Amino acid sequence: MSMRTAPLLAAALLAPLALLAPAAAQETGPRVERLDPALDSLIAPGTAVERIATGFGFTEGPLWHDGRLWFSDVSGDTLRAVDPAGRVEELIGNAGGLPNPPAGKSIGPNGMVSDRDGSVLMAQMGARRIVRVDANRRVTPVITDYRGKRLNSPNDLVFAADGALWFTDPPFGLYNGMDSDPAKQLPYNAVFRYAGGELTPVITDLKLPNGIGFSPDGRTLYVTDYGPPGMIYAYDVGRGGTISRRRVLISFPAGGAGGADGLKVDRRGNVWATGPGGIRVISPAGKVLGRVVLPEAAANLAFAGDGHTLYITASTSVYRLRTAVAGMLPRYAR
């Protein structure tokens, strides 16, 4: 989600900030905070966190695609890409899909995922739909409504191992970002599953479903509820997308910039999730092993390349660090 605006685009490569930096930099600059020795096998001690581009409205929806990181500027209503050297290109303007978008609202693009044909599926918060972006950057609608009622504001999406598309649908893209918005047509904020041309609201009892991901074996679904209070729930997943045995993976403490937003999973099953105060690295048992602390509110993250590079979209900037563990890439990553 996004709720901020910022200055003009300005890409920049900044020197890495080491963990052994002076105390002032430790307090204000990006850093890795080790809370459990097990973190060392996931992020090597001394790993630097780099800010590779900055100057955006509010960054979201990162996806590694064709050698670059695609990312959304939610309040800037733009889809962009940044390469490993920090060079930024605008891919699509007015990417939220509204013809006359109000300035500063959270109506731009959001989450993205690669599809099997090499195209990208993108959530349009303003137009309240999921669209396909082809190789020529043409945009065509894919999912717009459920039984004739418009979606709220699709946020984040992921393909399951069986090829079904799952996505969260909170109301953040409505003009007041609330359930009380008169434009809201659905009675809930659902987690949807789309398979065989059929759309199904699988989860309908969360306040503000946001980030979403699966365990490496596909048997556990993780969903962030922005709250308050911010939570990550885990569900058992059965055949045909049935879910059961909901439990709390983590309840986020209050304090710090940001909220319970995006998440990704590494190949060992650890959950990397944005929350108040930065990125938390959480074991499958719900133990917080460490944090990536940033000077801005982190919104989402994505593993890239060989899976050992983690990109983070955080307010006005994009950050990067190297990981010792490989992250799970999207099912149809390219």
Protein backbone atom coordinates (compact mmCIF):
# COMPACT_ATOMS: atom_id res chain seq x y z
CA MET A 1 0.00 0.00 0.00
CA SER A 2 1.07 3.63 -0.14
CA MET A 3 0.07 6.89 1.46
CA ARG A 4 2.85 9.38 0.68
CA THR A 5 4.15 11.71 -2.00
CA ALA A 6 7.68 12.93 -2.71
CA PRO A 7 9.94 15.01 -4.98
CA LEU A 8 11.12 14.56 -8.57
CA LEU A 9 12.80 11.39 -9.76
CA ALA A 10 16.54 11.24 -9.19
CA ALA A 11 18.38 7.96 -9.54
CA ALA A 12 21.56 7.63 -7.54
CA LEU A 13 24.15 5.08 -6.61
CA LEU A 14 25.18 5.48 -2.99
CA ALA A 15 28.18 3.99 -1.23
CA PRO A 16 27.38 0.85 0.79
CA LEU A 17 26.90 1.40 4.51
CA ALA A 18 28.78 -1.32 6.38
CA LEU A 19 27.64 -2.77 9.66
CA LEU A 20 30.77 -1.41 11.33
CA ALA A 21 29.94 2.19 10.42
CA PRO A 22 30.07 4.98 13.02
CA ALA A 23 27.31 5.06 15.63
CA ALA A 24 25.45 7.96 13.98
CA ALA A 25 25.22 6.09 10.69
CA GLN A 26 24.18 2.96 12.55
CA GLU A 27 21.22 4.84 14.00
CA THR A 28 20.00 6.57 10.85
CA GLY A 29 21.35 4.65 7.86
CA PRO A 30 20.28 1.28 6.43
CA ARG A 31 21.66 -1.67 8.34
CA VAL A 32 21.14 -5.32 9.27
CA GLU A 33 20.19 -6.01 12.87
CA ARG A 34 20.99 -9.53 14.11
CA LEU A 35 18.58 -10.85 16.75
CA ASP A 36 19.46 -14.53 16.57
CA PRO A 37 22.66 -16.35 15.47
CA ALA A 38 20.61 -18.22 12.86
CA LEU A 39 20.47 -14.99 10.82
CA ASP A 40 24.14 -15.41 9.87
CA SER A 41 23.28 -18.27 7.51
CA LEU A 42 20.68 -16.06 5.78
CA ILE A 43 22.52 -12.72 5.70
CA ALA A 44 26.29 -12.84 6.11
CA PRO A 45 27.70 -10.66 8.90
CA GLY A 46 28.90 -7.31 7.55
CA THR A 47 26.49 -7.30 4.60
CA ALA A 48 25.91 -3.79 3.25
CA VAL A 49 22.51 -2.34 2.45
CA GLU A 50 22.64 -0.04 -0.58
CA ARG A 51 20.22 2.62 -1.74
CA ILE A 52 20.38 2.33 -5.53
CA ALA A 53 17.71 4.84 -6.62
CA THR A 54 15.63 7.53 -4.97
CA GLY A 55 13.32 10.50 -5.52
CA PHE A 56 10.01 8.69 -6.12
CA GLY A 57 6.52 9.17 -4.68
CA PHE A 58 5.98 5.85 -2.89
CA THR A 59 7.63 2.69 -4.21
CA GLU A 60 5.86 -0.68 -4.22
CA GLY A 61 5.29 -3.93 -6.10
CA PRO A 62 8.90 -4.95 -6.97
CA LEU A 63 9.38 -7.70 -9.57
CA TRP A 64 12.63 -8.93 -11.15
CA HIS A 65 11.88 -9.16 -14.87
CA ASP A 66 14.27 -9.52 -17.83
CA GLY A 67 17.35 -8.41 -15.90
CA ARG A 68 15.83 -5.36 -14.21
CA LEU A 69 13.68 -4.59 -11.21
CA TRP A 70 10.23 -3.41 -12.22
CA PHE A 71 8.57 -1.35 -9.50
CA SER A 72 5.49 0.74 -8.96
CA ASP A 73 5.25 4.35 -7.87
CA VAL A 74 1.82 4.26 -6.25
CA SER A 75 1.33 7.95 -5.56
CA GLY A 76 3.32 8.92 -8.67
CA ASP A 77 1.03 6.76 -10.87
CA THR A 78 4.00 5.33 -12.79
CA LEU A 79 5.58 1.97 -13.57
CA ARG A 80 9.38 2.09 -13.68
CA ALA A 81 12.39 -0.22 -13.96
CA VAL A 82 15.86 0.08 -12.46
CA ASP A 83 18.87 -1.94 -13.61
CA PRO A 84 21.65 -3.25 -11.31
CA ALA A 85 23.70 -0.09 -11.98
CA GLY A 86 20.88 2.14 -10.74
CA ARG A 87 19.70 3.45 -14.12
CA VAL A 88 15.96 4.15 -14.04
CA GLU A 89 13.52 4.04 -16.94
CA GLU A 90 9.86 5.01 -16.97
CA LEU A 91 7.92 2.13 -18.52
CA ILE A 92 4.29 3.28 -18.28
CA GLY A 93 2.84 6.59 -17.17
CA ASN A 94 -0.67 6.80 -15.74
CA ALA A 95 -0.12 3.15 -14.78
CA GLY A 96 -2.95 3.09 -12.26
CA GLY A 97 -5.46 3.14 -15.09
CA LEU A 98 -7.59 6.17 -14.16
CA PRO A 99 -8.11 8.73 -16.97
CA ASN A 100 -7.86 11.80 -14.69
CA PRO A 101 -6.13 10.67 -11.51
CA PRO A 102 -6.20 12.98 -8.49
CA ALA A 103 -2.71 14.09 -7.50
CA GLY A 104 -1.12 12.40 -4.51
CA LYS A 105 -3.70 9.66 -4.04
CA SER A 106 -2.77 5.98 -3.76
CA ILE A 107 -4.19 5.13 -7.17
CA GLY A 108 -1.15 4.01 -9.14
CA PRO A 109 0.07 0.48 -9.93
CA ASN A 110 1.00 -1.92 -7.15
CA GLY A 111 1.93 -5.62 -7.03
CA MET A 112 3.21 -7.51 -10.07
CA VAL A 113 3.98 -11.10 -11.05
CA SER A 114 5.35 -12.76 -14.19
CA ASP A 115 2.92 -14.93 -16.15
CA ARG A 116 3.69 -18.11 -18.06
CA ASP A 117 3.76 -16.35 -21.45
CA GLY A 118 6.42 -13.85 -20.36
CA SER A 119 3.99 -11.00 -19.78
CA VAL A 120 3.49 -9.31 -16.40
CA LEU A 121 0.27 -9.20 -14.42
CA MET A 122 -0.07 -5.90 -12.56
CA ALA A 123 -2.50 -4.62 -9.94
CA GLN A 124 -4.01 -1.25 -10.84
CA MET A 125 -5.22 0.37 -7.64
CA GLY A 126 -7.03 3.26 -9.30
CA ALA A 127 -8.82 1.23 -11.97
CA ARG A 128 -9.48 -1.51 -9.39
CA ARG A 129 -8.42 -4.39 -11.60
CA ILE A 130 -5.59 -6.72 -12.60
CA VAL A 131 -4.14 -6.12 -16.05
CA ARG A 132 -1.62 -7.77 -18.35
CA VAL A 133 1.44 -5.83 -19.54
CA ASP A 134 2.85 -7.42 -22.72
CA ALA A 135 6.30 -7.14 -24.28
CA ASN A 136 5.26 -3.91 -26.01
CA ARG A 137 3.93 -2.54 -22.69
CA ARG A 138 0.36 -2.70 -23.92
CA VAL A 139 -2.09 -2.98 -21.04
CA THR A 140 -5.17 -5.21 -21.22
CA PRO A 141 -7.64 -6.05 -18.41
CA VAL A 142 -7.63 -9.59 -16.99
CA ILE A 143 -9.74 -9.50 -13.78
CA THR A 144 -12.08 -6.58 -13.12
CA ASP A 145 -14.96 -7.79 -10.94
CA TYR A 146 -16.47 -10.58 -8.90
CA ARG A 147 -19.99 -11.52 -10.01
CA GLY A 148 -20.62 -8.07 -11.41
CA LYS A 149 -19.25 -6.16 -8.43
CA ARG A 150 -16.03 -4.22 -8.91
CA LEU A 151 -12.95 -5.28 -7.03
CA ASN A 152 -11.86 -3.02 -4.18
CA SER A 153 -8.25 -2.31 -5.13
CA PRO A 154 -6.01 -5.30 -5.94
CA ASN A 155 -2.76 -5.03 -4.04
CA ASP A 156 -0.39 -7.99 -4.24
CA LEU A 157 -0.43 -11.26 -6.18
CA VAL A 158 1.34 -14.61 -6.47
CA PHE A 159 1.07 -17.81 -8.48
CA ALA A 160 0.67 -21.06 -6.53
CA ALA A 161 2.43 -24.29 -7.52
CA ASP A 162 -0.71 -25.50 -9.34
CA GLY A 163 -0.75 -22.38 -11.53
CA ALA A 164 -3.64 -20.64 -9.76
CA LEU A 165 -3.30 -16.90 -9.24
CA TRP A 166 -3.93 -15.58 -5.71
CA PHE A 167 -4.27 -11.90 -4.86
CA THR A 168 -5.25 -9.58 -2.02
CA ASP A 169 -7.96 -6.94 -2.44
CA PRO A 170 -7.98 -4.25 0.29
CA PRO A 171 -9.62 -0.83 -0.26
CA PHE A 172 -6.42 1.27 -0.29
CA GLY A 173 -6.97 2.50 -3.84
CA LEU A 174 -10.38 3.97 -3.09
CA TYR A 175 -10.17 7.72 -2.63
CA ASN A 176 -10.48 7.61 1.14
CA GLY A 177 -8.81 4.18 1.39
CA MET A 178 -11.51 2.90 3.70
CA ASP A 179 -14.37 0.41 3.81
CA SER A 180 -16.73 3.37 4.20
CA ASP A 181 -15.96 4.70 0.71
CA PRO A 182 -19.26 4.83 -1.23
CA ALA A 183 -17.49 3.41 -4.30
CA LYS A 184 -16.81 0.12 -2.51
CA GLN A 185 -19.08 -2.62 -3.91
CA LEU A 186 -17.87 -5.81 -2.22
CA PRO A 187 -18.89 -6.48 1.41
CA TYR A 188 -15.41 -7.75 2.36
CA ASN A 189 -11.70 -7.31 1.67
CA ALA A 190 -10.88 -10.70 0.25
CA VAL A 191 -8.00 -12.91 -0.69
CA PHE A 192 -9.02 -14.25 -4.11
CA ARG A 193 -7.98 -17.33 -6.07
CA TYR A 194 -8.26 -17.32 -9.87
CA ALA A 195 -8.09 -20.67 -11.67
CA GLY A 196 -9.69 -22.07 -14.80
CA GLY A 197 -11.33 -18.73 -15.50
CA GLU A 198 -13.15 -18.80 -12.14
CA LEU A 199 -12.61 -16.23 -9.38
CA THR A 200 -13.18 -17.37 -5.78
CA PRO A 201 -13.00 -15.31 -2.57
CA VAL A 202 -11.11 -17.80 -0.39
CA ILE A 203 -10.54 -15.58 2.67
CA THR A 204 -13.05 -12.88 3.61
CA ASP A 205 -12.49 -12.24 7.32
CA LEU A 206 -9.31 -10.15 7.31
CA LYS A 207 -9.37 -6.40 7.91
CA LEU A 208 -6.87 -5.28 5.27
CA PRO A 209 -5.20 -8.21 3.46
CA ASN A 210 -1.98 -7.09 1.87
CA GLY A 211 1.17 -9.17 1.28
CA ILE A 212 0.86 -12.79 0.14
CA GLY A 213 3.16 -15.77 -0.48
CA PHE A 214 3.56 -19.54 -0.28
CA SER A 215 6.02 -21.82 1.50
CA PRO A 216 8.52 -23.64 -0.77
CA ASP A 217 6.42 -26.83 -0.75
CA GLY A 218 3.23 -24.88 -1.51
CA ARG A 219 1.43 -26.29 1.52
CA THR A 220 1.36 -23.09 3.57
CA LEU A 221 -0.15 -19.76 2.54
CA TYR A 222 1.04 -16.57 4.25
CA VAL A 223 -1.10 -13.43 4.22
CA THR A 224 -0.37 -10.09 5.83
CA ASP A 225 -3.25 -8.24 7.47
CA TYR A 226 -2.32 -4.57 7.67
CA GLY A 227 -4.61 -4.28 10.66
CA PRO A 228 -4.42 -2.73 13.11
CA PRO A 229 -2.95 -4.66 14.68
CA GLY A 230 -0.59 -5.82 11.93
CA MET A 231 -0.38 -9.61 11.64
CA ILE A 232 0.87 -12.34 9.36
CA TYR A 233 -1.40 -15.37 9.22
CA ALA A 234 -0.44 -18.84 8.03
CA TYR A 235 -2.94 -21.29 6.51
CA ASP A 236 -2.70 -24.92 5.43
CA VAL A 237 -3.44 -25.27 1.73
CA GLY A 238 -5.21 -28.33 0.34
CA ARG A 239 -6.21 -29.55 -3.11
CA GLY A 240 -8.08 -27.07 -5.23
CA GLY A 241 -7.00 -24.16 -3.05
CA THR A 242 -8.92 -25.13 0.07
CA ILE A 243 -7.49 -23.61 3.26
CA SER A 244 -7.63 -24.63 6.91
CA ARG A 245 -5.96 -24.25 10.30
CA ARG A 246 -5.39 -20.50 10.39
CA ARG A 247 -2.75 -19.45 12.92
CA VAL A 248 -0.70 -16.33 13.67
CA LEU A 249 2.87 -16.40 12.39
CA ILE A 250 3.69 -13.01 13.91
CA SER A 251 1.93 -10.04 15.46
CA PHE A 252 3.87 -6.86 14.72
CA PRO A 253 4.73 -4.58 17.63
CA ALA A 254 3.74 -0.94 17.46
CA GLY A 255 6.40 1.68 16.76
CA GLY A 256 8.65 2.52 13.86
CA ALA A 257 7.91 3.69 10.34
CA GLY A 258 5.86 1.49 8.04
CA GLY A 259 3.26 -1.19 8.53
CA ALA A 260 2.43 -4.85 7.91
CA ASP A 261 2.71 -4.85 4.13
CA GLY A 262 4.59 -7.02 1.61
CA LEU A 263 6.28 -10.38 2.18
CA LYS A 264 8.43 -12.93 0.37
CA VAL A 265 9.67 -16.43 1.30
CA ASP A 266 13.17 -17.90 0.94
CA ARG A 267 13.97 -21.46 -0.11
CA ARG A 268 14.34 -22.61 3.50
CA GLY A 269 10.84 -21.41 4.30
CA ASN A 270 11.73 -18.23 6.20
CA VAL A 271 9.37 -15.29 5.70
CA TRP A 272 10.84 -11.86 4.91
CA ALA A 273 8.19 -9.29 5.73
CA THR A 274 7.85 -5.53 5.91
CA GLY A 275 6.50 -4.10 9.14
CA PRO A 276 6.94 -1.21 11.55
CA GLY A 277 10.67 -0.54 11.77
CA GLY A 278 11.82 -2.39 8.64
CA ILE A 279 12.07 -5.90 7.18
CA ARG A 280 11.76 -8.80 9.62
CA VAL A 281 13.26 -12.20 8.84
CA ILE A 282 10.95 -14.76 10.44
CA SER A 283 11.46 -18.51 10.79
CA PRO A 284 8.60 -20.87 9.80
CA ALA A 285 7.99 -21.28 13.55
CA GLY A 286 7.41 -17.53 13.92
CA LYS A 287 10.74 -16.55 15.51
CA VAL A 288 12.18 -13.19 14.41
CA LEU A 289 15.83 -13.81 13.50
CA GLY A 290 16.74 -10.27 12.49
CA ARG A 291 15.74 -7.06 10.77
CA VAL A 292 16.81 -4.95 7.84
CA VAL A 293 16.41 -1.43 9.23
CA LEU A 294 15.94 1.45 6.78
CA PRO A 295 15.65 5.23 7.14
CA GLU A 296 12.31 5.05 5.29
CA ALA A 297 9.15 2.98 5.61
CA ALA A 298 9.58 -0.32 3.76
CA ALA A 299 6.58 -1.37 1.66
CA ASN A 300 7.59 -4.49 -0.25
CA LEU A 301 10.50 -6.64 -1.39
CA ALA A 302 11.57 -9.09 -4.08
CA PHE A 303 14.32 -11.64 -4.59
CA ALA A 304 16.13 -11.21 -7.88
CA GLY A 305 18.60 -12.79 -10.29
CA ASP A 306 19.91 -16.04 -8.85
CA GLY A 307 17.75 -15.52 -5.77
CA HIS A 308 20.59 -14.14 -3.65
CA THR A 309 19.82 -10.46 -4.23
CA LEU A 310 17.01 -8.81 -2.28
CA TYR A 311 15.47 -5.55 -3.48
CA ILE A 312 13.33 -3.45 -1.14
CA THR A 313 10.89 -0.73 -2.15
CA ALA A 314 10.75 1.81 0.67
CA SER A 315 8.91 5.12 0.43
CA THR A 316 10.95 7.32 -1.93
CA SER A 317 13.73 4.82 -2.66
CA VAL A 318 14.82 1.35 -3.76
CA TYR A 319 17.37 -0.55 -1.65
CA ARG A 320 19.38 -3.72 -2.25
CA LEU A 321 21.39 -6.28 -0.29
CA ARG A 322 23.00 -9.64 -0.94
CA THR A 323 21.60 -12.67 0.88
CA ALA A 324 23.37 -15.91 1.79
CA VAL A 325 20.14 -17.87 1.37
CA ALA A 326 18.35 -17.95 -1.97
CA GLY A 327 14.85 -16.54 -2.08
CA MET A 328 11.95 -18.07 -3.93
CA LEU A 329 11.47 -16.43 -7.31
CA PRO A 330 8.01 -16.10 -8.91
CA ARG A 331 6.78 -19.33 -10.50
CA TYR A 332 7.17 -17.93 -14.04
CA ALA A 333 10.16 -15.68 -13.37
CA ARG A 334 12.28 -14.63 -16.33
